[in-house]
Amino acid sequence: GETPLWHYVYYHKGLRQLLSPRLGTPPLVNRKSQKKVMRAYQEMGSASYDGMTVRWRKNGSFAMIACISLDFDLYATFDGLVDAGGAVRICNQLAEYIHSKEANLLMPVFQLKSNTRITASARQAASAPR
């Protein structure tokens, strides 16, 4: 069936990566509606949170939820007719899906060994009094 979910942004804190579908699909086809949603994401993301938090916001044209945890943030935009309970259920399903497919959806992070040799001039500059 049809979902009231219009768009989402998932941020994996450990990998520092975003996962999000492309903007521009109905009903977010014009720049004005896209900017409105992106501003709302920014506003919801600028608040400080401790632990797992769910924040709900609704205006006339759309509803938005922010699910903030220690491991990830999930921001989602819905049709304005959705209720908070329905939005939470969809976000839980979406988070479960993303976690189950994480290896295919997010890029692995590789640690590169750094060059530990220090040149004589760098060593001298580091030991010089400031």
N, C-alpha and C. Protein backbone atom coordinates (compact mmCIF):
# COMPACT_ATOMS: atom_id res chain seq x y z
N GLY A 1 0.79 -1.18 0.00
CA GLY A 1 0.00 0.00 0.00
C GLY A 1 0.84 1.26 0.00
N GLU A 2 0.16 2.33 -0.02
CA GLU A 2 0.81 3.64 0.00
C GLU A 2 1.23 4.01 1.41
N THR A 3 2.35 4.66 1.54
CA THR A 3 2.86 5.07 2.84
C THR A 3 2.74 6.58 2.99
N PRO A 4 2.49 7.05 4.21
CA PRO A 4 2.47 8.49 4.43
C PRO A 4 3.89 9.08 4.55
N LEU A 5 4.91 8.22 4.50
CA LEU A 5 6.30 8.68 4.60
C LEU A 5 6.71 9.35 3.30
N TRP A 6 7.12 10.62 3.40
CA TRP A 6 7.54 11.36 2.21
C TRP A 6 9.06 11.32 2.02
N HIS A 7 9.79 11.43 3.11
CA HIS A 7 11.24 11.54 3.02
C HIS A 7 11.84 11.23 4.37
N TYR A 8 13.11 10.84 4.40
CA TYR A 8 13.81 10.64 5.66
C TYR A 8 15.30 10.94 5.50
N VAL A 9 15.94 11.20 6.62
CA VAL A 9 17.40 11.34 6.69
C VAL A 9 17.84 10.50 7.88
N TYR A 10 18.73 9.55 7.61
CA TYR A 10 19.28 8.67 8.64
C TYR A 10 20.76 9.01 8.78
N TYR A 11 21.20 9.27 10.00
CA TYR A 11 22.61 9.59 10.25
C TYR A 11 23.20 8.56 11.19
N HIS A 12 24.19 7.82 10.72
CA HIS A 12 24.89 6.83 11.54
C HIS A 12 26.05 7.55 12.23
N LYS A 13 25.97 7.67 13.53
CA LYS A 13 26.96 8.48 14.26
C LYS A 13 28.34 7.85 14.26
N GLY A 14 28.43 6.52 14.40
CA GLY A 14 29.73 5.85 14.44
C GLY A 14 30.48 5.96 13.12
N LEU A 15 29.77 5.83 12.02
CA LEU A 15 30.39 5.91 10.69
C LEU A 15 30.39 7.31 10.12
N ARG A 16 29.63 8.21 10.77
CA ARG A 16 29.50 9.59 10.31
C ARG A 16 29.02 9.65 8.85
N GLN A 17 27.95 8.92 8.59
CA GLN A 17 27.41 8.85 7.24
C GLN A 17 25.91 9.11 7.25
N LEU A 18 25.45 9.77 6.20
CA LEU A 18 24.03 10.03 5.99
C LEU A 18 23.47 9.05 4.96
N LEU A 19 22.22 8.69 5.17
CA LEU A 19 21.51 7.88 4.21
C LEU A 19 20.16 8.55 4.00
N SER A 20 19.83 8.82 2.76
CA SER A 20 18.60 9.53 2.48
C SER A 20 18.20 9.31 1.03
N PRO A 21 16.91 9.15 0.77
CA PRO A 21 16.49 9.09 -0.63
C PRO A 21 16.59 10.48 -1.26
N ARG A 22 16.60 10.50 -2.54
CA ARG A 22 16.70 11.75 -3.30
C ARG A 22 15.45 12.60 -3.07
N LEU A 23 15.66 13.89 -2.88
CA LEU A 23 14.53 14.82 -2.86
C LEU A 23 14.05 15.01 -4.29
N GLY A 24 12.80 15.37 -4.45
CA GLY A 24 12.28 15.63 -5.78
C GLY A 24 11.22 14.64 -6.20
N THR A 25 10.92 13.70 -5.30
CA THR A 25 9.83 12.77 -5.59
C THR A 25 8.54 13.32 -4.99
N PRO A 26 7.42 12.98 -5.58
CA PRO A 26 6.16 13.52 -5.05
C PRO A 26 5.98 13.19 -3.57
N PRO A 27 5.50 14.09 -2.78
CA PRO A 27 4.99 15.42 -3.08
C PRO A 27 6.05 16.52 -2.95
N LEU A 28 7.30 16.15 -2.76
CA LEU A 28 8.36 17.16 -2.59
C LEU A 28 9.05 17.44 -3.91
N VAL A 29 8.28 17.87 -4.90
CA VAL A 29 8.81 18.06 -6.25
C VAL A 29 9.34 19.46 -6.51
N ASN A 30 8.85 20.46 -5.78
CA ASN A 30 9.33 21.81 -6.08
C ASN A 30 10.33 22.28 -5.01
N ARG A 31 11.15 23.23 -5.38
CA ARG A 31 12.22 23.73 -4.50
C ARG A 31 11.67 24.32 -3.21
N LYS A 32 10.52 24.97 -3.28
CA LYS A 32 9.94 25.60 -2.09
C LYS A 32 9.61 24.54 -1.04
N SER A 33 8.97 23.46 -1.43
CA SER A 33 8.63 22.41 -0.46
C SER A 33 9.88 21.69 0.04
N GLN A 34 10.87 21.51 -0.82
CA GLN A 34 12.12 20.87 -0.42
C GLN A 34 12.87 21.72 0.60
N LYS A 35 12.93 23.02 0.36
CA LYS A 35 13.60 23.93 1.31
C LYS A 35 12.88 23.95 2.65
N LYS A 36 11.57 23.92 2.61
CA LYS A 36 10.77 23.93 3.84
C LYS A 36 11.09 22.69 4.69
N VAL A 37 11.17 21.55 4.05
CA VAL A 37 11.49 20.30 4.76
C VAL A 37 12.93 20.33 5.27
N MET A 38 13.86 20.78 4.46
CA MET A 38 15.26 20.81 4.89
C MET A 38 15.45 21.77 6.06
N ARG A 39 14.78 22.91 6.04
CA ARG A 39 14.85 23.84 7.19
C ARG A 39 14.29 23.21 8.44
N ALA A 40 13.20 22.47 8.30
CA ALA A 40 12.60 21.80 9.45
C ALA A 40 13.54 20.73 10.00
N TYR A 41 14.25 19.99 9.13
CA TYR A 41 15.25 19.02 9.60
C TYR A 41 16.33 19.74 10.40
N GLN A 42 16.81 20.87 9.89
CA GLN A 42 17.85 21.63 10.58
C GLN A 42 17.38 22.10 11.94
N GLU A 43 16.17 22.60 12.02
CA GLU A 43 15.63 23.08 13.30
C GLU A 43 15.52 21.94 14.30
N MET A 44 15.05 20.79 13.86
CA MET A 44 14.91 19.66 14.76
C MET A 44 16.27 19.11 15.16
N GLY A 45 17.23 19.18 14.28
CA GLY A 45 18.56 18.68 14.58
C GLY A 45 19.38 19.60 15.45
N SER A 46 18.99 20.87 15.55
CA SER A 46 19.79 21.83 16.33
C SER A 46 19.49 21.75 17.83
N ALA A 47 18.41 21.07 18.21
CA ALA A 47 18.09 20.93 19.63
C ALA A 47 19.03 19.90 20.25
N SER A 48 19.32 20.02 21.53
CA SER A 48 20.20 19.06 22.20
C SER A 48 19.36 17.96 22.85
N TYR A 49 19.90 16.77 22.84
CA TYR A 49 19.19 15.60 23.36
C TYR A 49 20.11 14.78 24.25
N ASP A 50 19.54 14.09 25.23
CA ASP A 50 20.27 13.14 26.07
C ASP A 50 19.61 11.78 25.90
N GLY A 51 20.40 10.77 25.50
CA GLY A 51 19.84 9.44 25.33
C GLY A 51 18.90 9.37 24.15
N MET A 52 17.94 8.45 24.21
CA MET A 52 16.96 8.29 23.12
C MET A 52 15.83 9.29 23.31
N THR A 53 15.56 10.04 22.28
CA THR A 53 14.53 11.06 22.33
C THR A 53 13.72 11.01 21.05
N VAL A 54 12.44 11.23 21.17
CA VAL A 54 11.57 11.35 20.00
C VAL A 54 10.93 12.72 20.07
N ARG A 55 11.05 13.45 18.99
CA ARG A 55 10.47 14.79 18.92
C ARG A 55 9.50 14.84 17.77
N TRP A 56 8.32 15.35 18.00
CA TRP A 56 7.23 15.38 17.01
C TRP A 56 6.89 16.82 16.68
N ARG A 57 6.68 17.08 15.40
CA ARG A 57 6.29 18.42 14.96
C ARG A 57 5.28 18.27 13.82
N LYS A 58 4.27 19.08 13.86
CA LYS A 58 3.24 19.00 12.82
C LYS A 58 2.82 20.40 12.41
N ASN A 59 2.72 20.62 11.11
CA ASN A 59 2.15 21.87 10.62
C ASN A 59 1.09 21.49 9.59
N GLY A 60 0.54 22.43 8.91
CA GLY A 60 -0.58 22.15 8.02
C GLY A 60 -0.28 21.19 6.89
N SER A 61 0.90 21.27 6.28
CA SER A 61 1.16 20.47 5.09
C SER A 61 1.92 19.17 5.36
N PHE A 62 2.69 19.11 6.43
CA PHE A 62 3.44 17.88 6.71
C PHE A 62 3.67 17.72 8.21
N ALA A 63 4.04 16.50 8.57
CA ALA A 63 4.41 16.17 9.95
C ALA A 63 5.84 15.65 9.92
N MET A 64 6.56 15.89 11.01
CA MET A 64 7.95 15.48 11.06
C MET A 64 8.25 14.87 12.42
N ILE A 65 9.12 13.88 12.41
CA ILE A 65 9.55 13.24 13.64
C ILE A 65 11.06 13.13 13.63
N ALA A 66 11.66 13.31 14.79
CA ALA A 66 13.10 13.11 14.96
C ALA A 66 13.28 12.04 16.03
N CYS A 67 13.98 10.98 15.69
CA CYS A 67 14.31 9.92 16.64
C CYS A 67 15.81 9.97 16.85
N ILE A 68 16.21 10.40 18.04
CA ILE A 68 17.61 10.61 18.34
C ILE A 68 18.06 9.55 19.33
N SER A 69 19.09 8.79 18.99
CA SER A 69 19.62 7.78 19.90
C SER A 69 21.12 7.97 20.03
N LEU A 70 21.75 7.13 20.80
CA LEU A 70 23.20 7.23 20.97
C LEU A 70 23.93 6.81 19.70
N ASP A 71 23.33 5.91 18.90
CA ASP A 71 24.00 5.37 17.71
C ASP A 71 23.60 6.04 16.40
N PHE A 72 22.38 6.53 16.33
CA PHE A 72 21.89 7.09 15.07
C PHE A 72 20.84 8.15 15.32
N ASP A 73 20.62 8.99 14.30
CA ASP A 73 19.52 9.95 14.27
C ASP A 73 18.68 9.61 13.05
N LEU A 74 17.37 9.66 13.21
CA LEU A 74 16.46 9.44 12.09
C LEU A 74 15.44 10.56 12.08
N TYR A 75 15.44 11.31 11.00
CA TYR A 75 14.47 12.38 10.78
C TYR A 75 13.57 11.94 9.64
N ALA A 76 12.27 12.09 9.81
CA ALA A 76 11.35 11.66 8.78
C ALA A 76 10.23 12.67 8.60
N THR A 77 9.81 12.82 7.35
CA THR A 77 8.72 13.73 7.00
C THR A 77 7.56 12.91 6.45
N PHE A 78 6.37 13.25 6.93
CA PHE A 78 5.17 12.51 6.59
C PHE A 78 4.08 13.43 6.07
N ASP A 79 3.11 12.82 5.45
CA ASP A 79 1.88 13.50 5.09
C ASP A 79 1.30 14.12 6.36
N GLY A 80 0.74 15.31 6.27
CA GLY A 80 0.22 16.01 7.43
C GLY A 80 -0.93 15.31 8.14
N LEU A 81 -1.51 14.28 7.53
CA LEU A 81 -2.63 13.57 8.14
C LEU A 81 -2.20 12.44 9.07
N VAL A 82 -0.92 12.07 9.06
CA VAL A 82 -0.44 10.97 9.90
C VAL A 82 -0.45 11.39 11.37
N ASP A 83 -0.72 10.44 12.25
CA ASP A 83 -0.66 10.74 13.68
C ASP A 83 0.70 10.30 14.23
N ALA A 84 1.01 10.72 15.45
CA ALA A 84 2.32 10.44 16.04
C ALA A 84 2.57 8.94 16.17
N GLY A 85 1.55 8.19 16.56
CA GLY A 85 1.71 6.74 16.72
C GLY A 85 2.06 6.06 15.41
N GLY A 86 1.39 6.46 14.34
CA GLY A 86 1.69 5.91 13.02
C GLY A 86 3.09 6.26 12.56
N ALA A 87 3.50 7.49 12.82
CA ALA A 87 4.85 7.92 12.43
C ALA A 87 5.91 7.14 13.19
N VAL A 88 5.69 6.92 14.48
CA VAL A 88 6.66 6.15 15.29
C VAL A 88 6.75 4.72 14.77
N ARG A 89 5.62 4.10 14.45
CA ARG A 89 5.64 2.73 13.92
C ARG A 89 6.44 2.66 12.62
N ILE A 90 6.20 3.61 11.73
CA ILE A 90 6.93 3.62 10.46
C ILE A 90 8.42 3.85 10.69
N CYS A 91 8.77 4.74 11.59
CA CYS A 91 10.19 5.00 11.88
C CYS A 91 10.86 3.76 12.47
N ASN A 92 10.15 3.04 13.34
CA ASN A 92 10.71 1.81 13.89
C ASN A 92 10.97 0.79 12.79
N GLN A 93 10.00 0.64 11.87
CA GLN A 93 10.17 -0.29 10.75
C GLN A 93 11.34 0.14 9.86
N LEU A 94 11.43 1.44 9.59
CA LEU A 94 12.50 1.96 8.74
C LEU A 94 13.86 1.74 9.41
N ALA A 95 13.96 2.03 10.69
CA ALA A 95 15.24 1.84 11.41
C ALA A 95 15.62 0.36 11.42
N GLU A 96 14.68 -0.52 11.65
CA GLU A 96 14.97 -1.96 11.63
C GLU A 96 15.46 -2.39 10.25
N TYR A 97 14.81 -1.88 9.21
CA TYR A 97 15.23 -2.22 7.85
C TYR A 97 16.65 -1.72 7.58
N ILE A 98 16.92 -0.47 7.91
CA ILE A 98 18.25 0.10 7.68
C ILE A 98 19.30 -0.69 8.44
N HIS A 99 19.03 -1.02 9.69
CA HIS A 99 20.00 -1.78 10.49
C HIS A 99 20.24 -3.16 9.88
N SER A 100 19.19 -3.80 9.35
CA SER A 100 19.36 -5.13 8.76
C SER A 100 20.15 -5.09 7.45
N LYS A 101 20.13 -3.96 6.77
CA LYS A 101 20.81 -3.81 5.47
C LYS A 101 22.02 -2.88 5.55
N GLU A 102 22.45 -2.57 6.76
CA GLU A 102 23.49 -1.56 6.96
C GLU A 102 24.76 -1.84 6.16
N ALA A 103 25.17 -3.11 6.09
CA ALA A 103 26.40 -3.45 5.37
C ALA A 103 26.31 -3.11 3.89
N ASN A 104 25.10 -3.13 3.33
CA ASN A 104 24.91 -2.82 1.91
C ASN A 104 24.58 -1.36 1.65
N LEU A 105 24.08 -0.66 2.68
CA LEU A 105 23.64 0.71 2.49
C LEU A 105 24.69 1.75 2.85
N LEU A 106 25.58 1.41 3.78
CA LEU A 106 26.59 2.36 4.25
C LEU A 106 27.98 1.87 3.88
N MET A 107 28.87 2.81 3.69
CA MET A 107 30.25 2.48 3.31
C MET A 107 31.05 2.10 4.54
N PRO A 108 31.86 1.04 4.45
CA PRO A 108 32.73 0.72 5.59
C PRO A 108 33.81 1.78 5.72
N VAL A 109 34.25 2.00 6.92
CA VAL A 109 35.30 2.99 7.18
C VAL A 109 36.59 2.23 7.44
N PHE A 110 37.62 2.55 6.69
CA PHE A 110 38.91 1.91 6.85
C PHE A 110 39.87 2.86 7.54
N GLN A 111 40.61 2.34 8.47
CA GLN A 111 41.64 3.13 9.14
C GLN A 111 42.94 2.96 8.37
N LEU A 112 43.47 4.05 7.91
CA LEU A 112 44.75 4.03 7.22
C LEU A 112 45.87 4.30 8.20
N LYS A 113 46.95 3.55 8.07
CA LYS A 113 48.10 3.80 8.94
C LYS A 113 48.74 5.10 8.50
N SER A 114 49.01 5.94 9.46
CA SER A 114 49.64 7.22 9.12
C SER A 114 51.15 7.04 9.08
N ASN A 115 51.77 7.90 8.37
CA ASN A 115 53.22 7.90 8.29
C ASN A 115 53.75 8.47 9.60
N THR A 116 54.44 7.66 10.38
CA THR A 116 54.88 8.09 11.70
C THR A 116 56.28 8.69 11.70
N ARG A 117 56.93 8.70 10.57
CA ARG A 117 58.26 9.31 10.53
C ARG A 117 58.12 10.83 10.61
N ILE A 118 58.93 11.42 11.43
CA ILE A 118 58.91 12.88 11.59
C ILE A 118 60.21 13.42 11.02
N THR A 119 60.10 14.40 10.18
CA THR A 119 61.30 14.99 9.60
C THR A 119 62.04 15.79 10.67
N ALA A 120 63.30 16.03 10.43
CA ALA A 120 64.13 16.76 11.39
C ALA A 120 63.57 18.17 11.63
N SER A 121 63.10 18.84 10.60
CA SER A 121 62.58 20.19 10.76
C SER A 121 61.27 20.18 11.55
N ALA A 122 60.42 19.16 11.35
CA ALA A 122 59.17 19.05 12.11
C ALA A 122 59.47 18.77 13.58
N ARG A 123 60.46 17.92 13.85
CA ARG A 123 60.84 17.60 15.23
C ARG A 123 61.37 18.86 15.93
N GLN A 124 62.18 19.63 15.22
CA GLN A 124 62.73 20.86 15.77
C GLN A 124 61.63 21.87 16.04
N ALA A 125 60.66 22.02 15.14
CA ALA A 125 59.57 22.96 15.32
C ALA A 125 58.68 22.54 16.50
N ALA A 126 58.49 21.26 16.69
CA ALA A 126 57.65 20.76 17.78
C ALA A 126 58.31 20.98 19.15
N SER A 127 59.64 20.94 19.17
CA SER A 127 60.33 21.08 20.46
C SER A 127 60.70 22.53 20.78
N ALA A 128 60.49 23.44 19.85
CA ALA A 128 60.84 24.84 20.07
C ALA A 128 59.90 25.45 21.10
N PRO A 129 60.44 26.31 21.99
CA PRO A 129 59.56 26.97 22.98
C PRO A 129 58.58 27.91 22.27
N ARG A 130 57.40 28.05 22.87
CA ARG A 130 56.36 28.87 22.27
C ARG A 130 56.24 30.18 22.97
